[in-house]
């Protein structure tokens, strides 16, 4: 090695030699980095415990590590016209923003509208990504917001106008409010064939059940 360097030192320290050696050095470094990258990624995934959610083949969700054979990407139903559904919900949201302030006089409507607008955007985003499980979760939050608005309006009105009256209220008293009825079926009151109360059921989420719910929303628009 020393003999070779002594015989070729002029070439080594010439411009061509330096450039050539630098190129070889960069190539070796790139190969070392490439070989380490999968290992680094695997270690990082292990440390974080694969915390992201995954949609499982039966339509439920899970957190933590899952087997690759169990994961279904973009799990959605071909029977749902997502673009049409999004257009319908956008139109109904515009009507809600117009109607809500006219319908309620005691509850702080603007506060509820602000929360609804954020949830609506999250709902549309989930639908655009074909994630019906997440979309359903956001829809439940909209349903609960509607119930809270109804209860807030009722009790504030009662306190202001009829403080001496006593009420016996049914369990579903506030579950068919203007907000959720307008959003799901495009009407101020719920249709007998499609009750918003269904949204309160928190049984294990199955994709076919969620899919049927969104088909119902499309059906109510086309009737």
C-alpha atoms as a PDB file:
ATOM      1  CA  UNK A   1       0.000   0.000   0.000  1.00  0.00           C
ATOM      2  CA  UNK A   2       2.830   2.383   0.902  1.00  0.00           C
ATOM      3  CA  UNK A   3       4.689   1.473  -2.307  1.00  0.00           C
ATOM      4  CA  UNK A   4       1.593   2.220  -4.366  1.00  0.00           C
ATOM      5  CA  UNK A   5       1.118   5.599  -2.647  1.00  0.00           C
ATOM      6  CA  UNK A   6       4.794   6.546  -3.182  1.00  0.00           C
ATOM      7  CA  UNK A   7       4.573   5.596  -6.857  1.00  0.00           C
ATOM      8  CA  UNK A   8       1.283   7.413  -7.430  1.00  0.00           C
ATOM      9  CA  UNK A   9       1.515  10.325  -4.998  1.00  0.00           C
ATOM     10  CA  UNK A  10       1.584  12.878  -7.818  1.00  0.00           C
ATOM     11  CA  UNK A  11      -1.677  11.531  -9.202  1.00  0.00           C
ATOM     12  CA  UNK A  12      -3.260  11.229  -5.748  1.00  0.00           C
ATOM     13  CA  UNK A  13      -2.632  14.844  -4.844  1.00  0.00           C
ATOM     14  CA  UNK A  14      -3.561  16.152  -8.268  1.00  0.00           C
ATOM     15  CA  UNK A  15      -7.041  17.610  -8.798  1.00  0.00           C
ATOM     16  CA  UNK A  16      -8.300  14.502 -10.601  1.00  0.00           C
ATOM     17  CA  UNK A  17      -7.127  12.197  -7.816  1.00  0.00           C
ATOM     18  CA  UNK A  18      -8.729  14.226  -5.035  1.00  0.00           C
ATOM     19  CA  UNK A  19     -12.066  14.401  -6.882  1.00  0.00           C
ATOM     20  CA  UNK A  20     -12.013  10.649  -7.554  1.00  0.00           C
ATOM     21  CA  UNK A  21     -11.221   9.776  -3.941  1.00  0.00           C
ATOM     22  CA  UNK A  22     -13.957  12.121  -2.688  1.00  0.00           C
ATOM     23  CA  UNK A  23     -16.489  10.459  -4.995  1.00  0.00           C
ATOM     24  CA  UNK A  24     -15.533   6.990  -3.730  1.00  0.00           C
ATOM     25  CA  UNK A  25     -15.799   8.191  -0.104  1.00  0.00           C
ATOM     26  CA  UNK A  26     -19.303   9.655  -0.702  1.00  0.00           C
ATOM     27  CA  UNK A  27     -20.440   6.419  -2.357  1.00  0.00           C
ATOM     28  CA  UNK A  28     -19.297   4.351   0.641  1.00  0.00           C
ATOM     29  CA  UNK A  29     -21.032   6.740   3.069  1.00  0.00           C
ATOM     30  CA  UNK A  30     -24.290   6.564   1.079  1.00  0.00           C
ATOM     31  CA  UNK A  31     -24.258   2.761   1.175  1.00  0.00           C
ATOM     32  CA  UNK A  32     -23.657   2.717   4.941  1.00  0.00           C
ATOM     33  CA  UNK A  33     -26.552   5.164   5.511  1.00  0.00           C
ATOM     34  CA  UNK A  34     -28.879   3.103   3.301  1.00  0.00           C
ATOM     35  CA  UNK A  35     -28.088  -0.088   5.189  1.00  0.00           C
ATOM     36  CA  UNK A  36     -28.760   1.568   8.574  1.00  0.00           C
ATOM     37  CA  UNK A  37     -32.041   3.231   7.555  1.00  0.00           C
ATOM     38  CA  UNK A  38     -34.361   0.156   7.768  1.00  0.00           C
ATOM     39  CA  UNK A  39     -32.920  -0.765  11.163  1.00  0.00           C
ATOM     40  CA  UNK A  40     -33.362   2.781  12.482  1.00  0.00           C
ATOM     41  CA  UNK A  41     -36.949   2.831  11.235  1.00  0.00           C
ATOM     42  CA  UNK A  42     -37.694  -0.515  12.862  1.00  0.00           C
ATOM     43  CA  UNK A  43     -36.249   0.618  16.195  1.00  0.00           C
ATOM     44  CA  UNK A  44     -38.257   3.840  16.046  1.00  0.00           C
ATOM     45  CA  UNK A  45     -41.482   1.920  15.330  1.00  0.00           C
ATOM     46  CA  UNK A  46     -40.779  -0.427  18.213  1.00  0.00           C
ATOM     47  CA  UNK A  47     -40.100   2.408  20.659  1.00  0.00           C
ATOM     48  CA  UNK A  48     -43.323   4.192  19.749  1.00  0.00           C
ATOM     49  CA  UNK A  49     -45.308   0.969  20.002  1.00  0.00           C
ATOM     50  CA  UNK A  50     -47.124   1.561  16.676  1.00  0.00           C
ATOM     51  CA  UNK A  51     -49.529   3.972  18.348  1.00  0.00           C
ATOM     52  CA  UNK A  52     -51.509   4.903  15.260  1.00  0.00           C
ATOM     53  CA  UNK A  53     -55.004   3.514  14.827  1.00  0.00           C
ATOM     54  CA  UNK A  54     -55.823   0.914  12.213  1.00  0.00           C
ATOM     55  CA  UNK A  55     -59.093  -0.220  10.707  1.00  0.00           C
ATOM     56  CA  UNK A  56     -59.461  -3.957  11.116  1.00  0.00           C
ATOM     57  CA  UNK A  57     -61.115  -6.257   8.603  1.00  0.00           C
ATOM     58  CA  UNK A  58     -64.318  -6.484  10.653  1.00  0.00           C
ATOM     59  CA  UNK A  59     -64.723  -2.700  10.611  1.00  0.00           C
ATOM     60  CA  UNK A  60     -63.567  -1.989  14.166  1.00  0.00           C
ATOM     61  CA  UNK A  61     -60.537   0.068  15.152  1.00  0.00           C
ATOM     62  CA  UNK A  62     -57.523  -0.789  17.230  1.00  0.00           C
ATOM     63  CA  UNK A  63     -54.525   0.978  18.701  1.00  0.00           C
ATOM     64  CA  UNK A  64     -51.035  -0.469  18.965  1.00  0.00           C
ATOM     65  CA  UNK A  65     -49.237  -3.117  16.936  1.00  0.00           C
ATOM     66  CA  UNK A  66     -51.372  -5.208  14.582  1.00  0.00           C
ATOM     67  CA  UNK A  67     -50.579  -7.964  12.106  1.00  0.00           C
ATOM     68  CA  UNK A  68     -50.336  -6.818   8.500  1.00  0.00           C
ATOM     69  CA  UNK A  69     -52.938  -9.350   7.387  1.00  0.00           C
ATOM     70  CA  UNK A  70     -55.542  -7.716   9.692  1.00  0.00           C
ATOM     71  CA  UNK A  71     -55.250  -4.154   8.381  1.00  0.00           C
ATOM     72  CA  UNK A  72     -57.587  -2.793   5.724  1.00  0.00           C
ATOM     73  CA  UNK A  73     -56.500   0.474   4.117  1.00  0.00           C
ATOM     74  CA  UNK A  74     -59.171   3.030   3.077  1.00  0.00           C
ATOM     75  CA  UNK A  75     -61.925   0.693   4.202  1.00  0.00           C
ATOM     76  CA  UNK A  76     -65.112   2.014   2.604  1.00  0.00           C
ATOM     77  CA  UNK A  77     -68.223   0.829   0.853  1.00  0.00           C
ATOM     78  CA  UNK A  78     -68.573   1.049  -2.949  1.00  0.00           C
ATOM     79  CA  UNK A  79     -72.288   1.713  -2.417  1.00  0.00           C
ATOM     80  CA  UNK A  80     -71.686   5.190  -0.977  1.00  0.00           C
ATOM     81  CA  UNK A  81     -71.358   8.124  -3.357  1.00  0.00           C
ATOM     82  CA  UNK A  82     -68.841  10.040  -1.241  1.00  0.00           C
ATOM     83  CA  UNK A  83     -68.697  13.101  -3.516  1.00  0.00           C
ATOM     84  CA  UNK A  84     -72.483  13.401  -3.543  1.00  0.00           C
ATOM     85  CA  UNK A  85     -72.641  12.889   0.218  1.00  0.00           C
ATOM     86  CA  UNK A  86     -70.089  15.647   0.834  1.00  0.00           C
ATOM     87  CA  UNK A  87     -71.975  18.052  -1.452  1.00  0.00           C
ATOM     88  CA  UNK A  88     -75.231  17.352   0.405  1.00  0.00           C
ATOM     89  CA  UNK A  89     -73.630  17.927   3.818  1.00  0.00           C
ATOM     90  CA  UNK A  90     -72.008  21.169   2.635  1.00  0.00           C
ATOM     91  CA  UNK A  91     -75.393  22.442   1.441  1.00  0.00           C
ATOM     92  CA  UNK A  92     -77.118  21.446   4.681  1.00  0.00           C
ATOM     93  CA  UNK A  93     -74.388  23.146   6.719  1.00  0.00           C
ATOM     94  CA  UNK A  94     -75.088  26.431   4.917  1.00  0.00           C
ATOM     95  CA  UNK A  95     -78.776  26.126   5.824  1.00  0.00           C
ATOM     96  CA  UNK A  96     -77.917  25.358   9.446  1.00  0.00           C
ATOM     97  CA  UNK A  97     -75.776  28.500   9.673  1.00  0.00           C
ATOM     98  CA  UNK A  98     -78.768  30.519   8.406  1.00  0.00           C
ATOM     99  CA  UNK A  99     -81.478  28.864  10.517  1.00  0.00           C
ATOM    100  CA  UNK A 100     -79.863  28.355  13.878  1.00  0.00           C
ATOM    101  CA  UNK A 101     -79.776  31.987  15.015  1.00  0.00           C
ATOM    102  CA  UNK A 102     -83.443  32.423  14.012  1.00  0.00           C
ATOM    103  CA  UNK A 103     -84.600  29.320  15.868  1.00  0.00           C
ATOM    104  CA  UNK A 104     -82.887  29.757  19.262  1.00  0.00           C
ATOM    105  CA  UNK A 105     -83.228  32.827  21.461  1.00  0.00           C
ATOM    106  CA  UNK A 106     -81.732  31.850  24.824  1.00  0.00           C
ATOM    107  CA  UNK A 107     -78.751  29.575  24.184  1.00  0.00           C
ATOM    108  CA  UNK A 108     -75.470  31.139  22.926  1.00  0.00           C
ATOM    109  CA  UNK A 109     -75.967  30.015  19.327  1.00  0.00           C
ATOM    110  CA  UNK A 110     -72.699  31.436  17.990  1.00  0.00           C
ATOM    111  CA  UNK A 111     -70.714  29.283  20.412  1.00  0.00           C
ATOM    112  CA  UNK A 112     -72.509  26.171  19.176  1.00  0.00           C
ATOM    113  CA  UNK A 113     -72.124  27.213  15.538  1.00  0.00           C
ATOM    114  CA  UNK A 114     -68.381  27.638  16.004  1.00  0.00           C
ATOM    115  CA  UNK A 115     -68.059  24.120  17.453  1.00  0.00           C
ATOM    116  CA  UNK A 116     -70.317  22.705  14.749  1.00  0.00           C
ATOM    117  CA  UNK A 117     -68.241  24.287  11.958  1.00  0.00           C
ATOM    118  CA  UNK A 118     -65.072  22.657  13.304  1.00  0.00           C
ATOM    119  CA  UNK A 119     -66.745  19.251  13.603  1.00  0.00           C
ATOM    120  CA  UNK A 120     -68.245  19.561  10.127  1.00  0.00           C
ATOM    121  CA  UNK A 121     -64.800  20.190   8.608  1.00  0.00           C
ATOM    122  CA  UNK A 122     -63.410  17.162  10.446  1.00  0.00           C
ATOM    123  CA  UNK A 123     -66.346  15.096   9.204  1.00  0.00           C
ATOM    124  CA  UNK A 124     -65.803  16.125   5.577  1.00  0.00           C
ATOM    125  CA  UNK A 125     -62.063  15.467   5.861  1.00  0.00           C
ATOM    126  CA  UNK A 126     -62.696  11.919   7.125  1.00  0.00           C
ATOM    127  CA  UNK A 127     -65.171  11.252   4.303  1.00  0.00           C
ATOM    128  CA  UNK A 128     -62.706  12.529   1.704  1.00  0.00           C
ATOM    129  CA  UNK A 129     -60.154  10.041   3.036  1.00  0.00           C
ATOM    130  CA  UNK A 130     -62.754   7.231   2.924  1.00  0.00           C
ATOM    131  CA  UNK A 131     -62.426   6.694   6.671  1.00  0.00           C
ATOM    132  CA  UNK A 132     -66.026   5.939   7.592  1.00  0.00           C
ATOM    133  CA  UNK A 133     -65.169   4.850  11.128  1.00  0.00           C
ATOM    134  CA  UNK A 134     -63.617   8.227  11.957  1.00  0.00           C
ATOM    135  CA  UNK A 135     -66.420  10.047  10.113  1.00  0.00           C
ATOM    136  CA  UNK A 136     -68.956   8.197  12.255  1.00  0.00           C
ATOM    137  CA  UNK A 137     -67.149   9.241  15.446  1.00  0.00           C
ATOM    138  CA  UNK A 138     -67.273  12.896  14.372  1.00  0.00           C
ATOM    139  CA  UNK A 139     -70.951  12.521  13.474  1.00  0.00           C
ATOM    140  CA  UNK A 140     -71.660  11.270  16.999  1.00  0.00           C
ATOM    141  CA  UNK A 141     -69.943  14.410  18.333  1.00  0.00           C
ATOM    142  CA  UNK A 142     -72.233  16.566  16.141  1.00  0.00           C
ATOM    143  CA  UNK A 143     -75.226  14.640  17.457  1.00  0.00           C
ATOM    144  CA  UNK A 144     -74.129  15.277  21.061  1.00  0.00           C
ATOM    145  CA  UNK A 145     -73.549  18.969  20.305  1.00  0.00           C
ATOM    146  CA  UNK A 146     -77.097  19.212  18.935  1.00  0.00           C
ATOM    147  CA  UNK A 147     -78.494  17.602  22.098  1.00  0.00           C
ATOM    148  CA  UNK A 148     -76.511  20.016  24.275  1.00  0.00           C
ATOM    149  CA  UNK A 149     -77.882  22.974  22.310  1.00  0.00           C
ATOM    150  CA  UNK A 150     -81.475  21.751  22.746  1.00  0.00           C
ATOM    151  CA  UNK A 151     -81.013  21.240  26.488  1.00  0.00           C
ATOM    152  CA  UNK A 152     -79.310  24.618  26.905  1.00  0.00           C
ATOM    153  CA  UNK A 153     -82.130  26.425  25.082  1.00  0.00           C
ATOM    154  CA  UNK A 154     -84.875  24.581  26.984  1.00  0.00           C
ATOM    155  CA  UNK A 155     -83.516  25.219  30.485  1.00  0.00           C
ATOM    156  CA  UNK A 156     -82.541  28.833  29.857  1.00  0.00           C
ATOM    157  CA  UNK A 157     -86.022  29.505  28.456  1.00  0.00           C
ATOM    158  CA  UNK A 158     -87.602  27.721  31.419  1.00  0.00           C
ATOM    159  CA  UNK A 159     -85.573  29.781  33.889  1.00  0.00           C
ATOM    160  CA  UNK A 160     -86.495  33.037  32.141  1.00  0.00           C
ATOM    161  CA  UNK A 161     -90.183  32.417  31.430  1.00  0.00           C
ATOM    162  CA  UNK A 162     -91.551  29.623  33.633  1.00  0.00           C
ATOM    163  CA  UNK A 163     -89.292  29.212  36.668  1.00  0.00           C
ATOM    164  CA  UNK A 164     -92.136  27.830  38.827  1.00  0.00           C
ATOM    165  CA  UNK A 165     -93.069  24.949  36.516  1.00  0.00           C
ATOM    166  CA  UNK A 166     -91.875  21.385  37.089  1.00  0.00           C
ATOM    167  CA  UNK A 167     -91.112  19.093  34.140  1.00  0.00           C
ATOM    168  CA  UNK A 168     -91.044  15.348  33.656  1.00  0.00           C
ATOM    169  CA  UNK A 169     -88.820  14.839  30.609  1.00  0.00           C
ATOM    170  CA  UNK A 170     -88.323  11.714  28.496  1.00  0.00           C
ATOM    171  CA  UNK A 171     -84.829  10.314  28.017  1.00  0.00           C
ATOM    172  CA  UNK A 172     -84.785  11.299  24.333  1.00  0.00           C
ATOM    173  CA  UNK A 173     -86.192  14.780  24.922  1.00  0.00           C
ATOM    174  CA  UNK A 174     -83.225  16.602  23.389  1.00  0.00           C
ATOM    175  CA  UNK A 175     -82.116  14.033  20.803  1.00  0.00           C
ATOM    176  CA  UNK A 176     -84.076  15.326  17.805  1.00  0.00           C
ATOM    177  CA  UNK A 177     -82.879  18.906  17.641  1.00  0.00           C
ATOM    178  CA  UNK A 178     -82.842  21.218  14.656  1.00  0.00           C
ATOM    179  CA  UNK A 179     -79.086  20.938  14.148  1.00  0.00           C
ATOM    180  CA  UNK A 180     -78.837  17.143  13.831  1.00  0.00           C
ATOM    181  CA  UNK A 181     -82.130  16.758  11.937  1.00  0.00           C
ATOM    182  CA  UNK A 182     -81.120  19.388   9.395  1.00  0.00           C
ATOM    183  CA  UNK A 183     -77.661  17.866   9.035  1.00  0.00           C
ATOM    184  CA  UNK A 184     -78.761  14.237   8.641  1.00  0.00           C
ATOM    185  CA  UNK A 185     -82.084  14.463   6.810  1.00  0.00           C
ATOM    186  CA  UNK A 186     -82.339  18.084   5.650  1.00  0.00           C
ATOM    187  CA  UNK A 187     -85.487  18.811   7.695  1.00  0.00           C
ATOM    188  CA  UNK A 188     -86.262  20.637  10.918  1.00  0.00           C
ATOM    189  CA  UNK A 189     -87.838  17.569  12.531  1.00  0.00           C
ATOM    190  CA  UNK A 190     -86.895  13.933  12.302  1.00  0.00           C
ATOM    191  CA  UNK A 191     -88.482  11.594   9.770  1.00  0.00           C
ATOM    192  CA  UNK A 192     -90.295   8.504  11.129  1.00  0.00           C
ATOM    193  CA  UNK A 193     -88.177   6.302   8.840  1.00  0.00           C
ATOM    194  CA  UNK A 194     -84.856   7.709  10.057  1.00  0.00           C
ATOM    195  CA  UNK A 195     -84.416   8.687  13.677  1.00  0.00           C
ATOM    196  CA  UNK A 196     -81.302  10.674  14.685  1.00  0.00           C
ATOM    197  CA  UNK A 197     -81.485   8.811  17.998  1.00  0.00           C
ATOM    198  CA  UNK A 198     -79.656   5.970  16.195  1.00  0.00           C
ATOM    199  CA  UNK A 199     -76.522   8.075  16.418  1.00  0.00           C
ATOM    200  CA  UNK A 200     -76.386   7.686  20.186  1.00  0.00           C
ATOM    201  CA  UNK A 201     -75.895   3.916  20.031  1.00  0.00           C
ATOM    202  CA  UNK A 202     -72.331   3.107  21.005  1.00  0.00           C
ATOM    203  CA  UNK A 203     -72.306  -0.600  20.217  1.00  0.00           C
ATOM    204  CA  UNK A 204     -69.087  -2.021  18.684  1.00  0.00           C
ATOM    205  CA  UNK A 205     -68.626  -0.240  15.399  1.00  0.00           C
ATOM    206  CA  UNK A 206     -69.086  -2.410  12.335  1.00  0.00           C
ATOM    207  CA  UNK A 207     -68.273  -0.942   8.962  1.00  0.00           C
ATOM    208  CA  UNK A 208     -71.420  -2.353   7.322  1.00  0.00           C
ATOM    209  CA  UNK A 209     -73.592  -0.656   9.986  1.00  0.00           C
ATOM    210  CA  UNK A 210     -71.817   2.680   9.495  1.00  0.00           C
ATOM    211  CA  UNK A 211     -72.082   2.269   5.733  1.00  0.00           C
ATOM    212  CA  UNK A 212     -75.851   1.748   5.986  1.00  0.00           C
ATOM    213  CA  UNK A 213     -76.155   4.918   8.047  1.00  0.00           C
ATOM    214  CA  UNK A 214     -74.476   7.008   5.334  1.00  0.00           C
ATOM    215  CA  UNK A 215     -76.616   5.325   2.682  1.00  0.00           C
ATOM    216  CA  UNK A 216     -79.653   6.473   4.673  1.00  0.00           C
ATOM    217  CA  UNK A 217     -78.388  10.072   4.599  1.00  0.00           C
ATOM    218  CA  UNK A 218     -78.105   9.891   0.809  1.00  0.00           C
ATOM    219  CA  UNK A 219     -81.519   8.216   0.564  1.00  0.00           C
ATOM    220  CA  UNK A 220     -83.281  10.967   2.546  1.00  0.00           C
ATOM    221  CA  UNK A 221     -81.866  13.548   0.127  1.00  0.00           C
ATOM    222  CA  UNK A 222     -83.063  11.683  -2.976  1.00  0.00           C
ATOM    223  CA  UNK A 223     -86.592  10.943  -1.713  1.00  0.00           C
END
